[in-house]
Amino acid sequence: MEDWPRELFLGKAELYQLQLEERLERAEEEADRLVKLFEVYGVPQGARILDLCCGIGRHAVALAKRGFFVVGVDFSPKFLARAEELAKNAGVQGKTEFVREDIRRLGNFPKQHFQAALSLYTSFGYYGEEDDKNLLLALRRLVDPGGIFVLDMFSRDSLIRHFVPTHVIRTKSHMVIEEMTFDFERARFNSRWFFFLPEGGGWRYAGEAQVSVRAYALHEIVRMLAEAGWQYCAAHGGLDMSPYGLEARRLVVVARNPG
């Protein structure tokens, strides 16, 4: 289960992409919220943005439409091909660049200048804590002094507080039944996803995948950021910069590279 991202995002990319496509309609609103967040934290209009685990590029394209230059990084060629298509359809090929890379090798990424880096939709905590620390260190080399890192993930406190071991995600294009457990010793949410596609008025089983994500508490994120040389700025309950607390479903942490 340690390398489940490769199994899901490469081996079953066509199934997971259905979820990403369903979230496309939210990208414009989320991009508007990111623009306001950028304004609050001093990211200038037209800045260069690094979008980690960009998937099909829904945020990258939406931000490019708002005047930013966005480099999206993902290791799924299927997702990146779709990102290129969306950028072309939106007329922002010149404002986007999509790179195939495993974020665990971000330290090998060519030196570039970014004013902000993004890790959205819970794309942090997939591997071990050492890998996450190395990612934070690598990002400091890529983000300019004064630039920010925006980390968006589920709220561990809320998920535990409202823990439901089984739930169903049903959309027009697919259905996912998720069976979840929490490993208290390793602080990881472990899930098994069962995918179904519509067929003949019912649902056809299409495959399954395992998912395991480290559930960081806010104080752990703050500590890791400090150890990597980042200056913690604030925690929000969403990209709308709402207050973070026990009922917040999301945890959005903003940190600054002090240089």
C-alpha atoms as a PDB file:
ATOM      1  CA  MET A   1       0.000   0.000   0.000  1.00  0.00           C
ATOM      2  CA  GLU A   2       3.049   2.279   0.307  1.00  0.00           C
ATOM      3  CA  ASP A   3       3.025   3.195  -3.383  1.00  0.00           C
ATOM      4  CA  TRP A   4      -0.743   3.373  -3.780  1.00  0.00           C
ATOM      5  CA  PRO A   5      -0.547   6.706  -5.714  1.00  0.00           C
ATOM      6  CA  ARG A   6       1.155   4.944  -8.604  1.00  0.00           C
ATOM      7  CA  GLU A   7      -1.520   2.234  -8.651  1.00  0.00           C
ATOM      8  CA  LEU A   8      -4.384   4.736  -8.546  1.00  0.00           C
ATOM      9  CA  PHE A   9      -3.100   7.686 -10.584  1.00  0.00           C
ATOM     10  CA  LEU A  10      -1.318   5.576 -13.206  1.00  0.00           C
ATOM     11  CA  GLY A  11      -2.888   2.125 -13.165  1.00  0.00           C
ATOM     12  CA  LYS A  12      -6.472   3.330 -12.642  1.00  0.00           C
ATOM     13  CA  ALA A  13      -6.096   6.893 -13.890  1.00  0.00           C
ATOM     14  CA  GLU A  14      -9.210   6.703 -16.057  1.00  0.00           C
ATOM     15  CA  LEU A  15     -11.349   5.962 -12.996  1.00  0.00           C
ATOM     16  CA  TYR A  16      -9.879   8.633 -10.756  1.00  0.00           C
ATOM     17  CA  GLN A  17     -10.060  11.158 -13.587  1.00  0.00           C
ATOM     18  CA  LEU A  18     -13.845  10.899 -13.396  1.00  0.00           C
ATOM     19  CA  GLN A  19     -13.661  12.527  -9.962  1.00  0.00           C
ATOM     20  CA  LEU A  20     -11.362  15.275 -11.232  1.00  0.00           C
ATOM     21  CA  GLU A  21     -13.681  15.992 -14.151  1.00  0.00           C
ATOM     22  CA  GLU A  22     -16.641  16.305 -11.782  1.00  0.00           C
ATOM     23  CA  ARG A  23     -14.721  18.962  -9.836  1.00  0.00           C
ATOM     24  CA  LEU A  24     -13.981  21.065 -12.911  1.00  0.00           C
ATOM     25  CA  GLU A  25     -17.079  23.182 -12.328  1.00  0.00           C
ATOM     26  CA  ARG A  26     -15.711  24.237  -8.923  1.00  0.00           C
ATOM     27  CA  ALA A  27     -12.360  25.359 -10.296  1.00  0.00           C
ATOM     28  CA  GLU A  28     -13.460  28.879 -11.262  1.00  0.00           C
ATOM     29  CA  GLU A  29     -14.831  29.640  -7.799  1.00  0.00           C
ATOM     30  CA  GLU A  30     -11.770  28.134  -6.125  1.00  0.00           C
ATOM     31  CA  ALA A  31      -9.482  30.169  -8.378  1.00  0.00           C
ATOM     32  CA  ASP A  32     -11.326  33.347  -7.390  1.00  0.00           C
ATOM     33  CA  ARG A  33     -10.732  32.459  -3.744  1.00  0.00           C
ATOM     34  CA  LEU A  34      -7.060  31.822  -4.428  1.00  0.00           C
ATOM     35  CA  VAL A  35      -6.731  35.220  -6.103  1.00  0.00           C
ATOM     36  CA  LYS A  36      -8.148  36.914  -2.991  1.00  0.00           C
ATOM     37  CA  LEU A  37      -5.792  34.865  -0.814  1.00  0.00           C
ATOM     38  CA  PHE A  38      -2.883  35.951  -3.016  1.00  0.00           C
ATOM     39  CA  GLU A  39      -3.901  39.577  -2.552  1.00  0.00           C
ATOM     40  CA  VAL A  40      -3.968  39.200   1.238  1.00  0.00           C
ATOM     41  CA  TYR A  41      -0.543  37.540   1.331  1.00  0.00           C
ATOM     42  CA  GLY A  42       1.145  39.826  -1.184  1.00  0.00           C
ATOM     43  CA  VAL A  43       1.400  37.610  -4.265  1.00  0.00           C
ATOM     44  CA  PRO A  44       1.408  40.043  -7.215  1.00  0.00           C
ATOM     45  CA  GLN A  45      -0.895  39.837 -10.202  1.00  0.00           C
ATOM     46  CA  GLY A  46       0.772  37.898 -13.019  1.00  0.00           C
ATOM     47  CA  ALA A  47       3.049  35.995 -10.630  1.00  0.00           C
ATOM     48  CA  ARG A  48       4.560  32.611 -11.429  1.00  0.00           C
ATOM     49  CA  ILE A  49       2.715  29.850  -9.566  1.00  0.00           C
ATOM     50  CA  LEU A  50       3.820  26.243  -8.978  1.00  0.00           C
ATOM     51  CA  ASP A  51       0.861  23.835  -8.792  1.00  0.00           C
ATOM     52  CA  LEU A  52       1.917  20.515  -7.230  1.00  0.00           C
ATOM     53  CA  CYS A  53       0.003  17.335  -8.105  1.00  0.00           C
ATOM     54  CA  CYS A  54      -1.968  19.439 -10.561  1.00  0.00           C
ATOM     55  CA  GLY A  55      -4.025  16.535 -11.905  1.00  0.00           C
ATOM     56  CA  ILE A  56      -5.950  17.596 -15.005  1.00  0.00           C
ATOM     57  CA  GLY A  57      -4.890  21.200 -14.419  1.00  0.00           C
ATOM     58  CA  ARG A  58      -8.241  22.579 -13.325  1.00  0.00           C
ATOM     59  CA  HIS A  59      -6.697  25.163 -10.954  1.00  0.00           C
ATOM     60  CA  ALA A  60      -3.722  25.857 -13.217  1.00  0.00           C
ATOM     61  CA  VAL A  61      -5.958  26.704 -16.167  1.00  0.00           C
ATOM     62  CA  ALA A  62      -8.356  28.779 -14.073  1.00  0.00           C
ATOM     63  CA  LEU A  63      -5.480  30.792 -12.570  1.00  0.00           C
ATOM     64  CA  ALA A  64      -3.888  31.265 -15.995  1.00  0.00           C
ATOM     65  CA  LYS A  65      -7.190  32.726 -17.210  1.00  0.00           C
ATOM     66  CA  ARG A  66      -6.782  35.281 -14.416  1.00  0.00           C
ATOM     67  CA  GLY A  67      -3.369  36.386 -15.636  1.00  0.00           C
ATOM     68  CA  PHE A  68      -0.962  34.157 -13.683  1.00  0.00           C
ATOM     69  CA  PHE A  69       1.703  31.934 -15.228  1.00  0.00           C
ATOM     70  CA  VAL A  70       1.288  28.443 -13.795  1.00  0.00           C
ATOM     71  CA  VAL A  71       3.592  25.435 -13.906  1.00  0.00           C
ATOM     72  CA  GLY A  72       1.664  22.275 -13.090  1.00  0.00           C
ATOM     73  CA  VAL A  73       3.512  19.162 -11.911  1.00  0.00           C
ATOM     74  CA  ASP A  74       2.066  15.652 -11.885  1.00  0.00           C
ATOM     75  CA  PHE A  75       3.348  12.154 -12.635  1.00  0.00           C
ATOM     76  CA  SER A  76       0.259  10.938 -14.508  1.00  0.00           C
ATOM     77  CA  PRO A  77       0.635  11.325 -18.297  1.00  0.00           C
ATOM     78  CA  LYS A  78      -3.123  10.853 -18.708  1.00  0.00           C
ATOM     79  CA  PHE A  79      -3.903  13.739 -16.370  1.00  0.00           C
ATOM     80  CA  LEU A  80      -1.285  15.965 -17.966  1.00  0.00           C
ATOM     81  CA  ALA A  81      -2.628  15.281 -21.466  1.00  0.00           C
ATOM     82  CA  ARG A  82      -6.048  16.396 -20.287  1.00  0.00           C
ATOM     83  CA  ALA A  83      -4.503  19.488 -18.649  1.00  0.00           C
ATOM     84  CA  GLU A  84      -2.887  20.451 -21.955  1.00  0.00           C
ATOM     85  CA  GLU A  85      -6.242  19.997 -23.676  1.00  0.00           C
ATOM     86  CA  LEU A  86      -8.049  22.186 -21.140  1.00  0.00           C
ATOM     87  CA  ALA A  87      -5.367  24.882 -21.442  1.00  0.00           C
ATOM     88  CA  LYS A  88      -5.698  24.847 -25.235  1.00  0.00           C
ATOM     89  CA  ASN A  89      -9.489  25.027 -25.057  1.00  0.00           C
ATOM     90  CA  ALA A  90      -9.215  28.014 -22.690  1.00  0.00           C
ATOM     91  CA  GLY A  91      -6.599  29.737 -24.860  1.00  0.00           C
ATOM     92  CA  VAL A  92      -3.977  29.837 -22.111  1.00  0.00           C
ATOM     93  CA  GLN A  93      -1.265  27.561 -23.544  1.00  0.00           C
ATOM     94  CA  GLY A  94       1.164  30.483 -23.304  1.00  0.00           C
ATOM     95  CA  LYS A  95       0.389  30.980 -19.612  1.00  0.00           C
ATOM     96  CA  THR A  96       0.736  27.335 -18.536  1.00  0.00           C
ATOM     97  CA  GLU A  97       3.377  24.642 -18.542  1.00  0.00           C
ATOM     98  CA  PHE A  98       2.788  21.054 -17.480  1.00  0.00           C
ATOM     99  CA  VAL A  99       5.673  18.891 -16.314  1.00  0.00           C
ATOM    100  CA  ARG A 100       5.691  15.171 -15.598  1.00  0.00           C
ATOM    101  CA  GLU A 101       7.520  14.558 -12.311  1.00  0.00           C
ATOM    102  CA  ASP A 102       7.130  12.689  -9.042  1.00  0.00           C
ATOM    103  CA  ILE A 103       6.981  15.289  -6.246  1.00  0.00           C
ATOM    104  CA  ARG A 104       9.382  13.129  -4.235  1.00  0.00           C
ATOM    105  CA  ARG A 105      11.993  14.159  -6.803  1.00  0.00           C
ATOM    106  CA  LEU A 106      11.189  17.848  -6.660  1.00  0.00           C
ATOM    107  CA  GLY A 107      14.723  18.421  -5.394  1.00  0.00           C
ATOM    108  CA  ASN A 108      15.902  17.620  -8.937  1.00  0.00           C
ATOM    109  CA  PHE A 109      13.531  20.168 -10.442  1.00  0.00           C
ATOM    110  CA  PRO A 110      15.402  22.866 -12.438  1.00  0.00           C
ATOM    111  CA  LYS A 111      15.867  26.072 -10.448  1.00  0.00           C
ATOM    112  CA  GLN A 112      13.011  28.421 -11.260  1.00  0.00           C
ATOM    113  CA  HIS A 113      11.466  31.479  -9.658  1.00  0.00           C
ATOM    114  CA  PHE A 114       7.959  31.215  -8.249  1.00  0.00           C
ATOM    115  CA  GLN A 115       6.087  33.657  -6.079  1.00  0.00           C
ATOM    116  CA  ALA A 116       3.737  30.979  -4.769  1.00  0.00           C
ATOM    117  CA  ALA A 117       3.478  27.197  -4.594  1.00  0.00           C
ATOM    118  CA  LEU A 118       0.214  25.295  -4.164  1.00  0.00           C
ATOM    119  CA  SER A 119      -0.628  21.845  -2.834  1.00  0.00           C
ATOM    120  CA  LEU A 120      -4.405  21.566  -3.221  1.00  0.00           C
ATOM    121  CA  TYR A 121      -7.146  18.982  -2.745  1.00  0.00           C
ATOM    122  CA  THR A 122      -5.212  16.867  -0.216  1.00  0.00           C
ATOM    123  CA  SER A 123      -2.139  16.029  -2.294  1.00  0.00           C
ATOM    124  CA  PHE A 124       0.200  16.060   0.729  1.00  0.00           C
ATOM    125  CA  GLY A 125       0.883  13.204   3.134  1.00  0.00           C
ATOM    126  CA  TYR A 126       0.749  10.395   0.588  1.00  0.00           C
ATOM    127  CA  TYR A 127       4.141   8.972   1.524  1.00  0.00           C
ATOM    128  CA  GLY A 128       6.289   9.013   4.662  1.00  0.00           C
ATOM    129  CA  GLU A 129       6.926  12.024   6.876  1.00  0.00           C
ATOM    130  CA  GLU A 130      10.525  12.186   5.636  1.00  0.00           C
ATOM    131  CA  ASP A 131       9.278  12.564   2.062  1.00  0.00           C
ATOM    132  CA  ASP A 132       6.976  15.384   3.168  1.00  0.00           C
ATOM    133  CA  LYS A 133       9.836  17.168   4.938  1.00  0.00           C
ATOM    134  CA  ASN A 134      12.015  16.828   1.842  1.00  0.00           C
ATOM    135  CA  LEU A 135       9.226  18.316  -0.271  1.00  0.00           C
ATOM    136  CA  LEU A 136       9.020  21.363   2.010  1.00  0.00           C
ATOM    137  CA  LEU A 137      12.792  21.787   1.766  1.00  0.00           C
ATOM    138  CA  ALA A 138      12.742  21.499  -2.023  1.00  0.00           C
ATOM    139  CA  LEU A 139       9.968  24.076  -2.270  1.00  0.00           C
ATOM    140  CA  ARG A 140      12.042  26.642  -0.394  1.00  0.00           C
ATOM    141  CA  ARG A 141      14.625  26.443  -3.196  1.00  0.00           C
ATOM    142  CA  LEU A 142      11.950  27.140  -5.816  1.00  0.00           C
ATOM    143  CA  VAL A 143       9.835  29.809  -4.121  1.00  0.00           C
ATOM    144  CA  ASP A 144      11.379  33.278  -4.023  1.00  0.00           C
ATOM    145  CA  PRO A 145      12.050  35.014  -0.695  1.00  0.00           C
ATOM    146  CA  GLY A 146       8.780  36.587   0.400  1.00  0.00           C
ATOM    147  CA  GLY A 147       6.795  34.057  -1.632  1.00  0.00           C
ATOM    148  CA  ILE A 148       4.214  31.758  -0.085  1.00  0.00           C
ATOM    149  CA  PHE A 149       3.232  28.110   0.092  1.00  0.00           C
ATOM    150  CA  VAL A 150      -0.475  27.234   0.303  1.00  0.00           C
ATOM    151  CA  LEU A 151      -1.240  23.760   1.664  1.00  0.00           C
ATOM    152  CA  ASP A 152      -4.868  22.616   1.364  1.00  0.00           C
ATOM    153  CA  MET A 153      -5.886  19.291   2.871  1.00  0.00           C
ATOM    154  CA  PHE A 154      -8.642  17.640   4.869  1.00  0.00           C
ATOM    155  CA  SER A 155      -8.920  18.550   8.526  1.00  0.00           C
ATOM    156  CA  ARG A 156      -7.856  15.609  10.665  1.00  0.00           C
ATOM    157  CA  ASP A 157      -9.776  16.983  13.632  1.00  0.00           C
ATOM    158  CA  SER A 158     -13.021  17.238  11.684  1.00  0.00           C
ATOM    159  CA  LEU A 159     -12.689  13.810  10.051  1.00  0.00           C
ATOM    160  CA  ILE A 160     -12.117  12.118  13.395  1.00  0.00           C
ATOM    161  CA  ARG A 161     -14.867  14.149  15.039  1.00  0.00           C
ATOM    162  CA  HIS A 162     -17.369  13.147  12.338  1.00  0.00           C
ATOM    163  CA  PHE A 163     -15.862   9.789  11.377  1.00  0.00           C
ATOM    164  CA  VAL A 164     -18.022   7.671   9.063  1.00  0.00           C
ATOM    165  CA  PRO A 165     -16.446   4.320   8.093  1.00  0.00           C
ATOM    166  CA  THR A 166     -18.446   3.929   4.865  1.00  0.00           C
ATOM    167  CA  HIS A 167     -19.854   6.523   2.546  1.00  0.00           C
ATOM    168  CA  VAL A 168     -20.964   6.803  -1.074  1.00  0.00           C
ATOM    169  CA  ILE A 169     -20.015   9.381  -3.704  1.00  0.00           C
ATOM    170  CA  ARG A 170     -22.562   9.310  -6.517  1.00  0.00           C
ATOM    171  CA  THR A 171     -22.341  11.502  -9.635  1.00  0.00           C
ATOM    172  CA  LYS A 172     -23.679  11.403 -13.190  1.00  0.00           C
ATOM    173  CA  SER A 173     -20.556   9.667 -14.461  1.00  0.00           C
ATOM    174  CA  HIS A 174     -19.672   7.235 -11.671  1.00  0.00           C
ATOM    175  CA  MET A 175     -20.163   6.052  -8.117  1.00  0.00           C
ATOM    176  CA  VAL A 176     -17.533   5.366  -5.472  1.00  0.00           C
ATOM    177  CA  ILE A 177     -18.119   3.420  -2.272  1.00  0.00           C
ATOM    178  CA  GLU A 178     -15.391   4.219   0.247  1.00  0.00           C
ATOM    179  CA  GLU A 179     -14.579   2.032   3.244  1.00  0.00           C
ATOM    180  CA  MET A 180     -12.314   3.902   5.657  1.00  0.00           C
ATOM    181  CA  THR A 181     -10.360   3.055   8.801  1.00  0.00           C
ATOM    182  CA  PHE A 182      -8.039   5.169  10.941  1.00  0.00           C
ATOM    183  CA  ASP A 183      -4.631   3.849  11.985  1.00  0.00           C
ATOM    184  CA  PHE A 184      -4.023   5.560  15.344  1.00  0.00           C
ATOM    185  CA  GLU A 185      -0.427   4.332  15.608  1.00  0.00           C
ATOM    186  CA  ARG A 186       0.606   5.803  12.257  1.00  0.00           C
ATOM    187  CA  ALA A 187      -2.002   8.601  12.112  1.00  0.00           C
ATOM    188  CA  ARG A 188      -3.195   7.597   8.656  1.00  0.00           C
ATOM    189  CA  PHE A 189      -6.625   7.354   7.091  1.00  0.00           C
ATOM    190  CA  ASN A 190      -6.669   4.115   5.086  1.00  0.00           C
ATOM    191  CA  SER A 191      -9.421   3.613   2.530  1.00  0.00           C
ATOM    192  CA  ARG A 192     -10.556   1.169  -0.070  1.00  0.00           C
ATOM    193  CA  TRP A 193     -12.433   2.705  -2.986  1.00  0.00           C
ATOM    194  CA  PHE A 194     -14.841   0.643  -5.093  1.00  0.00           C
ATOM    195  CA  PHE A 195     -15.644   2.227  -8.466  1.00  0.00           C
ATOM    196  CA  PHE A 196     -18.905   1.689 -10.358  1.00  0.00           C
ATOM    197  CA  LEU A 197     -19.982   2.997 -13.766  1.00  0.00           C
ATOM    198  CA  PRO A 198     -23.590   3.465 -14.948  1.00  0.00           C
ATOM    199  CA  GLU A 199     -24.899   0.674 -17.150  1.00  0.00           C
ATOM    200  CA  GLY A 200     -28.424  -0.244 -18.219  1.00  0.00           C
ATOM    201  CA  GLY A 201     -30.134   1.751 -15.513  1.00  0.00           C
ATOM    202  CA  GLY A 202     -27.878   0.283 -12.815  1.00  0.00           C
ATOM    203  CA  TRP A 203     -24.216   0.232 -11.844  1.00  0.00           C
ATOM    204  CA  ARG A 204     -21.370  -1.942 -13.112  1.00  0.00           C
ATOM    205  CA  TYR A 205     -18.337  -2.678 -10.917  1.00  0.00           C
ATOM    206  CA  ALA A 206     -15.289  -1.126 -12.596  1.00  0.00           C
ATOM    207  CA  GLY A 207     -12.430  -1.677 -10.166  1.00  0.00           C
ATOM    208  CA  GLU A 208     -11.051  -0.766  -6.785  1.00  0.00           C
ATOM    209  CA  ALA A 209      -8.065   1.005  -5.270  1.00  0.00           C
ATOM    210  CA  GLN A 210      -6.424   1.604  -1.918  1.00  0.00           C
ATOM    211  CA  VAL A 211      -5.684   5.055  -0.524  1.00  0.00           C
ATOM    212  CA  SER A 212      -3.598   5.972   2.540  1.00  0.00           C
ATOM    213  CA  VAL A 213      -3.009   9.559   3.648  1.00  0.00           C
ATOM    214  CA  ARG A 214      -1.095  10.835   6.670  1.00  0.00           C
ATOM    215  CA  ALA A 215      -3.461  12.807   8.895  1.00  0.00           C
ATOM    216  CA  TYR A 216      -1.409  15.727  10.141  1.00  0.00           C
ATOM    217  CA  ALA A 217      -2.580  17.914  13.009  1.00  0.00           C
ATOM    218  CA  LEU A 218      -2.015  21.637  12.572  1.00  0.00           C
ATOM    219  CA  HIS A 219       0.796  21.751  15.131  1.00  0.00           C
ATOM    220  CA  GLU A 220       2.651  19.026  13.209  1.00  0.00           C
ATOM    221  CA  ILE A 221       2.412  21.003   9.974  1.00  0.00           C
ATOM    222  CA  VAL A 222       3.639  24.136  11.762  1.00  0.00           C
ATOM    223  CA  ARG A 223       6.605  22.218  13.183  1.00  0.00           C
ATOM    224  CA  MET A 224       7.553  20.684   9.839  1.00  0.00           C
ATOM    225  CA  LEU A 225       7.354  24.041   8.104  1.00  0.00           C
ATOM    226  CA  ALA A 226       9.635  25.612  10.720  1.00  0.00           C
ATOM    227  CA  GLU A 227      12.146  22.765  10.402  1.00  0.00           C
ATOM    228  CA  ALA A 228      12.231  23.338   6.636  1.00  0.00           C
ATOM    229  CA  GLY A 229      12.816  27.069   7.109  1.00  0.00           C
ATOM    230  CA  TRP A 230       9.307  28.320   6.322  1.00  0.00           C
ATOM    231  CA  GLN A 231       7.618  31.050   8.340  1.00  0.00           C
ATOM    232  CA  TYR A 232       4.132  29.972   9.374  1.00  0.00           C
ATOM    233  CA  CYS A 233       1.543  32.668   8.628  1.00  0.00           C
ATOM    234  CA  ALA A 234      -1.935  31.329   9.375  1.00  0.00           C
ATOM    235  CA  ALA A 235      -4.383  28.441   9.201  1.00  0.00           C
ATOM    236  CA  HIS A 236      -7.779  28.797   7.533  1.00  0.00           C
ATOM    237  CA  GLY A 237     -10.836  26.581   7.276  1.00  0.00           C
ATOM    238  CA  GLY A 238     -10.872  26.768   3.483  1.00  0.00           C
ATOM    239  CA  LEU A 239      -9.578  28.661   0.469  1.00  0.00           C
ATOM    240  CA  ASP A 240     -12.105  31.365   1.400  1.00  0.00           C
ATOM    241  CA  MET A 241      -9.887  32.103   4.428  1.00  0.00           C
ATOM    242  CA  SER A 242     -12.677  31.232   6.862  1.00  0.00           C
ATOM    243  CA  PRO A 243     -11.578  30.544  10.472  1.00  0.00           C
ATOM    244  CA  TYR A 244     -10.049  27.172  11.235  1.00  0.00           C
ATOM    245  CA  GLY A 245     -11.610  25.200  14.088  1.00  0.00           C
ATOM    246  CA  LEU A 246     -13.116  21.869  15.095  1.00  0.00           C
ATOM    247  CA  GLU A 247     -15.954  22.143  12.583  1.00  0.00           C
ATOM    248  CA  ALA A 248     -13.775  23.178   9.619  1.00  0.00           C
ATOM    249  CA  ARG A 249     -13.775  20.441   6.983  1.00  0.00           C
ATOM    250  CA  ARG A 250     -10.585  21.710   5.355  1.00  0.00           C
ATOM    251  CA  LEU A 251      -7.236  22.873   6.671  1.00  0.00           C
ATOM    252  CA  VAL A 252      -5.520  25.537   4.567  1.00  0.00           C
ATOM    253  CA  VAL A 253      -2.091  26.517   5.875  1.00  0.00           C
ATOM    254  CA  VAL A 254      -0.192  29.507   4.487  1.00  0.00           C
ATOM    255  CA  ALA A 255       3.560  29.829   5.035  1.00  0.00           C
ATOM    256  CA  ARG A 256       6.108  32.343   3.746  1.00  0.00           C
ATOM    257  CA  ASN A 257       9.674  31.818   2.572  1.00  0.00           C
ATOM    258  CA  PRO A 258      11.660  34.338   4.670  1.00  0.00           C
ATOM    259  CA  GLY A 259      14.685  33.998   2.396  1.00  0.00           C
END
